[in-house]
PDB file of N, CA and C in Angstrom:
ATOM      1  N   UNK A   1       1.421   3.314   1.756  1.00  0.00           N
ATOM      2  CA  UNK A   1       1.574   3.460   3.187  1.00  0.00           C
ATOM      3  C   UNK A   1       0.118   3.306   3.801  1.00  0.00           C
ATOM      4  N   UNK A   2      -0.053   2.349   4.643  1.00  0.00           N
ATOM      5  CA  UNK A   2      -1.186   1.779   5.051  1.00  0.00           C
ATOM      6  C   UNK A   2      -1.245   2.256   6.775  1.00  0.00           C
ATOM      7  N   UNK A   3      -2.638   2.318   7.116  1.00  0.00           N
ATOM      8  CA  UNK A   3      -2.666   3.099   8.512  1.00  0.00           C
ATOM      9  C   UNK A   3      -3.321   2.117   9.757  1.00  0.00           C
ATOM     10  N   UNK A   4      -3.647   0.772   9.025  1.00  0.00           N
ATOM     11  CA  UNK A   4      -3.971  -0.281   9.655  1.00  0.00           C
ATOM     12  C   UNK A   4      -3.293  -1.873   9.651  1.00  0.00           C
ATOM     13  N   UNK A   5      -2.558  -1.965  10.830  1.00  0.00           N
ATOM     14  CA  UNK A   5      -1.705  -3.487  10.660  1.00  0.00           C
ATOM     15  C   UNK A   5      -2.736  -4.424  10.521  1.00  0.00           C
ATOM     16  N   UNK A   6      -4.314  -4.403  10.536  1.00  0.00           N
ATOM     17  CA  UNK A   6      -4.764  -5.802  10.381  1.00  0.00           C
ATOM     18  C   UNK A   6      -4.972  -5.993   8.692  1.00  0.00           C
ATOM     19  N   UNK A   7      -4.448  -4.952   7.787  1.00  0.00           N
ATOM     20  CA  UNK A   7      -4.872  -5.314   6.698  1.00  0.00           C
ATOM     21  C   UNK A   7      -3.742  -6.093   5.874  1.00  0.00           C
ATOM     22  N   UNK A   8      -2.488  -6.218   6.908  1.00  0.00           N
ATOM     23  CA  UNK A   8      -1.168  -6.997   6.406  1.00  0.00           C
ATOM     24  C   UNK A   8      -1.533  -8.636   6.267  1.00  0.00           C
ATOM     25  N   UNK A   9      -1.243  -9.293   5.365  1.00  0.00           N
ATOM     26  CA  UNK A   9      -1.426 -10.812   5.226  1.00  0.00           C
ATOM     27  C   UNK A   9      -0.090 -11.112   5.877  1.00  0.00           C
ATOM     28  N   UNK A  10       1.245 -10.727   5.609  1.00  0.00           N
ATOM     29  CA  UNK A  10       2.627 -10.866   6.286  1.00  0.00           C
ATOM     30  C   UNK A  10       3.213  -9.453   6.305  1.00  0.00           C
ATOM     31  N   UNK A  11       4.295  -9.661   7.643  1.00  0.00           N
ATOM     32  CA  UNK A  11       4.792  -8.678   7.856  1.00  0.00           C
ATOM     33  C   UNK A  11       6.191  -8.772   7.686  1.00  0.00           C
ATOM     34  N   UNK A  12       7.272  -7.758   7.822  1.00  0.00           N
ATOM     35  CA  UNK A  12       8.560  -7.753   7.620  1.00  0.00           C
ATOM     36  C   UNK A  12       9.125  -6.592   8.559  1.00  0.00           C
ATOM     37  N   UNK A  13       9.750  -6.957  10.003  1.00  0.00           N
ATOM     38  CA  UNK A  13      10.201  -5.958  10.550  1.00  0.00           C
ATOM     39  C   UNK A  13      11.476  -5.457  10.062  1.00  0.00           C
ATOM     40  N   UNK A  14      11.691  -4.235  10.403  1.00  0.00           N
ATOM     41  CA  UNK A  14      12.920  -3.665   9.778  1.00  0.00           C
ATOM     42  C   UNK A  14      14.222  -3.876  10.840  1.00  0.00           C
ATOM     43  N   UNK A  15      15.351  -3.887  10.197  1.00  0.00           N
ATOM     44  CA  UNK A  15      16.671  -4.407  10.932  1.00  0.00           C
ATOM     45  C   UNK A  15      17.229  -2.974  11.252  1.00  0.00           C
ATOM     46  N   UNK A  16      16.670  -1.711  10.810  1.00  0.00           N
ATOM     47  CA  UNK A  16      16.903  -0.229  11.336  1.00  0.00           C
ATOM     48  C   UNK A  16      15.456   0.227  11.296  1.00  0.00           C
ATOM     49  N   UNK A  17      15.866   1.461  12.177  1.00  0.00           N
ATOM     50  CA  UNK A  17      14.794   2.371  11.946  1.00  0.00           C
ATOM     51  C   UNK A  17      14.303   3.075  10.978  1.00  0.00           C
ATOM     52  N   UNK A  18      13.539   2.917  10.076  1.00  0.00           N
ATOM     53  CA  UNK A  18      13.309   3.636   8.921  1.00  0.00           C
ATOM     54  C   UNK A  18      12.035   4.921   8.957  1.00  0.00           C
ATOM     55  N   UNK A  19      12.145   5.807   7.803  1.00  0.00           N
ATOM     56  CA  UNK A  19      10.894   6.858   8.069  1.00  0.00           C
ATOM     57  C   UNK A  19      10.785   7.408   6.967  1.00  0.00           C
ATOM     58  N   UNK A  20       9.520   8.061   6.336  1.00  0.00           N
ATOM     59  CA  UNK A  20       9.066   8.194   5.406  1.00  0.00           C
ATOM     60  C   UNK A  20       9.155   9.762   5.284  1.00  0.00           C
ATOM     61  N   UNK A  21       9.512  10.464   4.251  1.00  0.00           N
ATOM     62  CA  UNK A  21       9.840  12.020   4.284  1.00  0.00           C
ATOM     63  C   UNK A  21       8.756  12.460   3.490  1.00  0.00           C
ATOM     64  N   UNK A  22       7.679  13.316   4.277  1.00  0.00           N
ATOM     65  CA  UNK A  22       6.445  13.909   3.572  1.00  0.00           C
ATOM     66  C   UNK A  22       6.904  15.179   2.890  1.00  0.00           C
ATOM     67  N   UNK A  23       5.956  15.558   2.341  1.00  0.00           N
ATOM     68  CA  UNK A  23       6.365  16.812   1.221  1.00  0.00           C
ATOM     69  C   UNK A  23       6.571  18.020   2.094  1.00  0.00           C
ATOM     70  N   UNK A  24       5.970  18.040   3.119  1.00  0.00           N
ATOM     71  CA  UNK A  24       6.104  19.159   4.339  1.00  0.00           C
ATOM     72  C   UNK A  24       7.534  19.085   4.899  1.00  0.00           C
ATOM     73  N   UNK A  25       8.235  18.188   4.757  1.00  0.00           N
ATOM     74  CA  UNK A  25       9.533  18.309   5.308  1.00  0.00           C
ATOM     75  C   UNK A  25       9.669  17.392   6.505  1.00  0.00           C
ATOM     76  N   UNK A  26       8.365  17.002   7.117  1.00  0.00           N
ATOM     77  CA  UNK A  26       8.117  15.952   8.240  1.00  0.00           C
ATOM     78  C   UNK A  26       8.618  14.801   8.018  1.00  0.00           C
ATOM     79  N   UNK A  27       9.244  14.014   8.893  1.00  0.00           N
ATOM     80  CA  UNK A  27       9.467  12.511   8.959  1.00  0.00           C
ATOM     81  C   UNK A  27       8.928  11.762   9.842  1.00  0.00           C
ATOM     82  N   UNK A  28       8.507  10.533   9.415  1.00  0.00           N
ATOM     83  CA  UNK A  28       7.296   9.902  10.266  1.00  0.00           C
ATOM     84  C   UNK A  28       8.002   8.323  10.345  1.00  0.00           C
ATOM     85  N   UNK A  29       8.119   7.779  11.270  1.00  0.00           N
ATOM     86  CA  UNK A  29       8.192   6.373  11.484  1.00  0.00           C
ATOM     87  C   UNK A  29       7.814   5.326  10.665  1.00  0.00           C
ATOM     88  N   UNK A  30       8.545   4.226   9.883  1.00  0.00           N
ATOM     89  CA  UNK A  30       7.698   3.145   9.442  1.00  0.00           C
ATOM     90  C   UNK A  30       7.473   2.005  10.547  1.00  0.00           C
ATOM     91  N   UNK A  31       6.891   1.566  11.071  1.00  0.00           N
ATOM     92  CA  UNK A  31       6.933   0.553  11.753  1.00  0.00           C
ATOM     93  C   UNK A  31       7.267  -0.960  11.237  1.00  0.00           C
ATOM     94  N   UNK A  32       6.946  -1.010  10.074  1.00  0.00           N
ATOM     95  CA  UNK A  32       7.160  -2.298   9.225  1.00  0.00           C
ATOM     96  C   UNK A  32       6.409  -2.312   7.725  1.00  0.00           C
ATOM     97  N   UNK A  33       7.053  -3.349   7.258  1.00  0.00           N
ATOM     98  CA  UNK A  33       6.686  -3.256   5.838  1.00  0.00           C
ATOM     99  C   UNK A  33       5.756  -4.931   5.240  1.00  0.00           C
ATOM    100  N   UNK A  34       5.177  -4.842   4.400  1.00  0.00           N
ATOM    101  CA  UNK A  34       4.583  -6.285   4.212  1.00  0.00           C
ATOM    102  C   UNK A  34       3.523  -6.201   3.363  1.00  0.00           C
ATOM    103  N   UNK A  35       2.959  -7.388   3.040  1.00  0.00           N
ATOM    104  CA  UNK A  35       1.959  -7.712   1.891  1.00  0.00           C
ATOM    105  C   UNK A  35       0.666  -7.649   2.262  1.00  0.00           C
ATOM    106  N   UNK A  36      -0.160  -7.014   0.942  1.00  0.00           N
ATOM    107  CA  UNK A  36      -1.718  -6.875   1.544  1.00  0.00           C
ATOM    108  C   UNK A  36      -2.108  -7.638   0.318  1.00  0.00           C
ATOM    109  N   UNK A  37      -3.277  -8.207   0.586  1.00  0.00           N
ATOM    110  CA  UNK A  37      -4.052  -8.871  -0.688  1.00  0.00           C
ATOM    111  C   UNK A  37      -5.442  -8.416  -0.609  1.00  0.00           C
ATOM    112  N   UNK A  38      -5.721  -7.716  -1.393  1.00  0.00           N
ATOM    113  CA  UNK A  38      -6.764  -6.993  -1.923  1.00  0.00           C
ATOM    114  C   UNK A  38      -7.920  -8.038  -2.432  1.00  0.00           C
ATOM    115  N   UNK A  39      -7.562  -9.368  -3.249  1.00  0.00           N
ATOM    116  CA  UNK A  39      -8.226 -10.231  -3.353  1.00  0.00           C
ATOM    117  C   UNK A  39      -7.570 -11.282  -3.716  1.00  0.00           C
ATOM    118  N   UNK A  40      -8.061 -12.623  -4.333  1.00  0.00           N
ATOM    119  CA  UNK A  40      -6.855 -13.474  -4.365  1.00  0.00           C
ATOM    120  C   UNK A  40      -5.858 -13.251  -5.531  1.00  0.00           C
ATOM    121  N   UNK A  41      -6.426 -12.423  -6.319  1.00  0.00           N
ATOM    122  CA  UNK A  41      -5.705 -12.482  -7.456  1.00  0.00           C
ATOM    123  C   UNK A  41      -5.157 -10.714  -7.432  1.00  0.00           C
ATOM    124  N   UNK A  42      -4.767 -10.003  -6.771  1.00  0.00           N
ATOM    125  CA  UNK A  42      -4.713  -8.686  -6.533  1.00  0.00           C
ATOM    126  C   UNK A  42      -3.613  -8.246  -5.386  1.00  0.00           C
ATOM    127  N   UNK A  43      -2.488  -8.100  -5.516  1.00  0.00           N
ATOM    128  CA  UNK A  43      -1.620  -8.115  -4.043  1.00  0.00           C
ATOM    129  C   UNK A  43      -0.898  -6.770  -4.441  1.00  0.00           C
ATOM    130  N   UNK A  44      -0.499  -6.433  -3.195  1.00  0.00           N
ATOM    131  CA  UNK A  44       0.488  -5.175  -2.898  1.00  0.00           C
ATOM    132  C   UNK A  44       1.606  -5.467  -2.248  1.00  0.00           C
ATOM    133  N   UNK A  45       2.849  -5.409  -2.546  1.00  0.00           N
ATOM    134  CA  UNK A  45       3.787  -6.073  -1.861  1.00  0.00           C
ATOM    135  C   UNK A  45       4.588  -4.767  -1.411  1.00  0.00           C
ATOM    136  N   UNK A  46       5.588  -5.228  -0.452  1.00  0.00           N
ATOM    137  CA  UNK A  46       6.380  -4.089   0.336  1.00  0.00           C
ATOM    138  C   UNK A  46       5.570  -2.778   0.769  1.00  0.00           C
ATOM    139  N   UNK A  47       4.034  -2.780   1.105  1.00  0.00           N
ATOM    140  CA  UNK A  47       3.616  -1.900   1.808  1.00  0.00           C
ATOM    141  C   UNK A  47       3.927  -1.418   3.128  1.00  0.00           C
ATOM    142  N   UNK A  48       3.938  -0.235   3.498  1.00  0.00           N
ATOM    143  CA  UNK A  48       4.401   0.418   4.310  1.00  0.00           C
ATOM    144  C   UNK A  48       3.577   0.632   5.423  1.00  0.00           C
ATOM    145  N   UNK A  49       4.019   0.139   6.946  1.00  0.00           N
ATOM    146  CA  UNK A  49       2.970   0.373   7.616  1.00  0.00           C
ATOM    147  C   UNK A  49       3.535   1.784   8.578  1.00  0.00           C
ATOM    148  N   UNK A  50       2.657   2.753   8.798  1.00  0.00           N
ATOM    149  CA  UNK A  50       3.035   3.854   9.058  1.00  0.00           C
ATOM    150  C   UNK A  50       1.986   4.329  10.236  1.00  0.00           C
ATOM    151  N   UNK A  51       1.875   3.858  11.236  1.00  0.00           N
ATOM    152  CA  UNK A  51       0.894   4.005  12.564  1.00  0.00           C
ATOM    153  C   UNK A  51       0.529   5.642  12.771  1.00  0.00           C
ATOM    154  N   UNK A  52       1.508   6.591  12.280  1.00  0.00           N
ATOM    155  CA  UNK A  52       1.027   7.809  12.708  1.00  0.00           C
ATOM    156  C   UNK A  52      -0.055   8.378  11.497  1.00  0.00           C
ATOM    157  N   UNK A  53      -0.506   7.497  10.277  1.00  0.00           N
ATOM    158  CA  UNK A  53      -1.089   8.037   9.265  1.00  0.00           C
ATOM    159  C   UNK A  53      -2.614   7.596   9.760  1.00  0.00           C
ATOM    160  N   UNK A  54      -3.475   8.231   9.440  1.00  0.00           N
ATOM    161  CA  UNK A  54      -4.971   7.969   9.559  1.00  0.00           C
ATOM    162  C   UNK A  54      -5.936   7.593   8.584  1.00  0.00           C
ATOM    163  N   UNK A  55      -5.037   7.499   7.265  1.00  0.00           N
ATOM    164  CA  UNK A  55      -5.260   7.154   5.842  1.00  0.00           C
ATOM    165  C   UNK A  55      -4.869   6.189   5.184  1.00  0.00           C
ATOM    166  N   UNK A  56      -5.161   5.565   4.246  1.00  0.00           N
ATOM    167  CA  UNK A  56      -4.362   4.545   3.437  1.00  0.00           C
ATOM    168  C   UNK A  56      -3.902   5.480   2.137  1.00  0.00           C
ATOM    169  N   UNK A  57      -2.591   5.443   1.927  1.00  0.00           N
ATOM    170  CA  UNK A  57      -2.038   5.993   0.544  1.00  0.00           C
ATOM    171  C   UNK A  57      -1.571   4.884  -0.249  1.00  0.00           C
ATOM    172  N   UNK A  58      -1.969   4.653  -1.458  1.00  0.00           N
ATOM    173  CA  UNK A  58      -1.913   3.159  -2.216  1.00  0.00           C
ATOM    174  C   UNK A  58      -1.105   3.982  -3.730  1.00  0.00           C
ATOM    175  N   UNK A  59      -0.072   3.644  -3.757  1.00  0.00           N
ATOM    176  CA  UNK A  59       0.743   3.699  -5.032  1.00  0.00           C
ATOM    177  C   UNK A  59      -0.050   3.291  -6.233  1.00  0.00           C
ATOM    178  N   UNK A  60      -1.024   3.819  -7.187  1.00  0.00           N
ATOM    179  CA  UNK A  60      -1.394   3.221  -8.188  1.00  0.00           C
ATOM    180  C   UNK A  60      -0.204   2.547  -9.445  1.00  0.00           C
ATOM    181  N   UNK A  61       0.764   3.360  -9.415  1.00  0.00           N
ATOM    182  CA  UNK A  61       1.946   2.537 -10.297  1.00  0.00           C
ATOM    183  C   UNK A  61       2.240   1.488  -9.639  1.00  0.00           C
ATOM    184  N   UNK A  62       2.502   1.262  -8.360  1.00  0.00           N
ATOM    185  CA  UNK A  62       3.022   0.140  -7.457  1.00  0.00           C
ATOM    186  C   UNK A  62       2.058  -0.848  -7.902  1.00  0.00           C
ATOM    187  N   UNK A  63       0.751  -0.656  -7.619  1.00  0.00           N
ATOM    188  CA  UNK A  63      -0.121  -1.835  -7.676  1.00  0.00           C
ATOM    189  C   UNK A  63      -0.400  -2.165  -9.052  1.00  0.00           C
ATOM    190  N   UNK A  64      -0.197  -1.320 -10.329  1.00  0.00           N
ATOM    191  CA  UNK A  64      -0.165  -1.901 -11.246  1.00  0.00           C
ATOM    192  C   UNK A  64       0.834  -2.789 -11.564  1.00  0.00           C
ATOM    193  N   UNK A  65       1.908  -2.084 -11.132  1.00  0.00           N
ATOM    194  CA  UNK A  65       3.410  -2.918 -11.534  1.00  0.00           C
ATOM    195  C   UNK A  65       3.310  -4.321 -10.870  1.00  0.00           C
ATOM    196  N   UNK A  66       3.056  -4.539  -9.753  1.00  0.00           N
ATOM    197  CA  UNK A  66       2.680  -5.809  -8.925  1.00  0.00           C
ATOM    198  C   UNK A  66       1.646  -6.988  -9.705  1.00  0.00           C
ATOM    199  N   UNK A  67       0.686  -6.367 -10.382  1.00  0.00           N
ATOM    200  CA  UNK A  67      -0.195  -6.925 -10.795  1.00  0.00           C
ATOM    201  C   UNK A  67      -0.734  -6.745 -12.341  1.00  0.00           C
ATOM    202  N   UNK A  68      -1.457  -7.661 -12.788  1.00  0.00           N
ATOM    203  CA  UNK A  68      -1.896  -7.421 -14.067  1.00  0.00           C
ATOM    204  C   UNK A  68      -3.329  -6.637 -13.933  1.00  0.00           C
ATOM    205  N   UNK A  69      -3.557  -5.477 -13.671  1.00  0.00           N
ATOM    206  CA  UNK A  69      -4.850  -4.900 -13.605  1.00  0.00           C
ATOM    207  C   UNK A  69      -5.023  -3.480 -13.963  1.00  0.00           C
ATOM    208  N   UNK A  70      -5.934  -3.145 -13.999  1.00  0.00           N
ATOM    209  CA  UNK A  70      -6.198  -1.750 -14.448  1.00  0.00           C
ATOM    210  C   UNK A  70      -7.004  -1.041 -13.833  1.00  0.00           C
ATOM    211  N   UNK A  71      -7.050   0.385 -13.644  1.00  0.00           N
ATOM    212  CA  UNK A  71      -7.725   1.091 -12.656  1.00  0.00           C
ATOM    213  C   UNK A  71      -8.648   2.067 -13.737  1.00  0.00           C
ATOM    214  N   UNK A  72      -9.765   2.032 -13.404  1.00  0.00           N
ATOM    215  CA  UNK A  72     -10.825   3.219 -14.080  1.00  0.00           C
ATOM    216  C   UNK A  72     -11.409   4.103 -13.075  1.00  0.00           C
ATOM    217  N   UNK A  73     -11.212   5.291 -12.945  1.00  0.00           N
ATOM    218  CA  UNK A  73     -11.648   6.333 -12.200  1.00  0.00           C
ATOM    219  C   UNK A  73     -12.827   7.081 -12.964  1.00  0.00           C
ATOM    220  N   UNK A  74     -14.037   7.147 -12.033  1.00  0.00           N
ATOM    221  CA  UNK A  74     -15.268   7.360 -12.392  1.00  0.00           C
ATOM    222  C   UNK A  74     -15.418   8.660 -11.230  1.00  0.00           C
ATOM    223  N   UNK A  75     -16.530   9.435 -11.529  1.00  0.00           N
ATOM    224  CA  UNK A  75     -16.853  10.326 -10.585  1.00  0.00           C
ATOM    225  C   UNK A  75     -17.087   9.900  -9.114  1.00  0.00           C
ATOM    226  N   UNK A  76     -17.620   8.855  -9.015  1.00  0.00           N
ATOM    227  CA  UNK A  76     -18.176   8.233  -7.546  1.00  0.00           C
ATOM    228  C   UNK A  76     -17.044   7.273  -7.167  1.00  0.00           C
ATOM    229  N   UNK A  77     -16.357   6.658  -7.767  1.00  0.00           N
ATOM    230  CA  UNK A  77     -15.509   5.517  -7.610  1.00  0.00           C
ATOM    231  C   UNK A  77     -14.394   5.042  -8.622  1.00  0.00           C
ATOM    232  N   UNK A  78     -13.808   4.240  -7.751  1.00  0.00           N
ATOM    233  CA  UNK A  78     -12.374   3.748  -8.563  1.00  0.00           C
ATOM    234  C   UNK A  78     -12.928   2.038  -8.663  1.00  0.00           C
ATOM    235  N   UNK A  79     -12.554   1.672 -10.213  1.00  0.00           N
ATOM    236  CA  UNK A  79     -13.065   0.152 -10.479  1.00  0.00           C
ATOM    237  C   UNK A  79     -11.499  -0.564 -10.791  1.00  0.00           C
ATOM    238  N   UNK A  80     -11.060  -1.522 -10.131  1.00  0.00           N
ATOM    239  CA  UNK A  80      -9.954  -2.351 -10.341  1.00  0.00           C
ATOM    240  C   UNK A  80     -10.412  -3.529 -10.943  1.00  0.00           C
ATOM    241  N   UNK A  81      -9.674  -3.737 -12.512  1.00  0.00           N
ATOM    242  CA  UNK A  81     -10.334  -4.676 -13.364  1.00  0.00           C
ATOM    243  C   UNK A  81      -8.907  -5.665 -13.310  1.00  0.00           C
ATOM    244  N   UNK A  82      -9.079  -6.848 -13.275  1.00  0.00           N
ATOM    245  CA  UNK A  82      -7.785  -8.002 -13.395  1.00  0.00           C
ATOM    246  C   UNK A  82      -8.034  -8.046 -15.038  1.00  0.00           C
ATOM    247  N   UNK A  83      -6.876  -7.539 -15.711  1.00  0.00           N
ATOM    248  CA  UNK A  83      -6.879  -7.669 -17.084  1.00  0.00           C
ATOM    249  C   UNK A  83      -6.217  -9.385 -17.867  1.00  0.00           C
ATOM    250  N   UNK A  84      -5.927  -9.864 -16.624  1.00  0.00           N
ATOM    251  CA  UNK A  84      -5.619 -11.339 -16.992  1.00  0.00           C
ATOM    252  C   UNK A  84      -6.537 -12.192 -17.239  1.00  0.00           C
ATOM    253  N   UNK A  85      -8.089 -11.511 -17.009  1.00  0.00           N
ATOM    254  CA  UNK A  85      -9.212 -12.675 -17.205  1.00  0.00           C
ATOM    255  C   UNK A  85     -10.386 -12.129 -18.127  1.00  0.00           C
TER     256      UNK A  85
END
């Protein structure tokens, strides 16, 4: 779920109003979904734009399923590595 519309390369407007169900029971509206390109080789498909969020939440399993990458978590950073090169 992404909080900034400028990150989207393409968008798809929903046919009906959809919502995200949060762990606290709250429901928040999804404005649209779309594609975000982190680099020429790393793309996240079907990302959700949720205007009420003020942070970006990215699914690691979705990101690695959509791309041939590995993620390495260190104490102060996360490194994305393209495994096809």
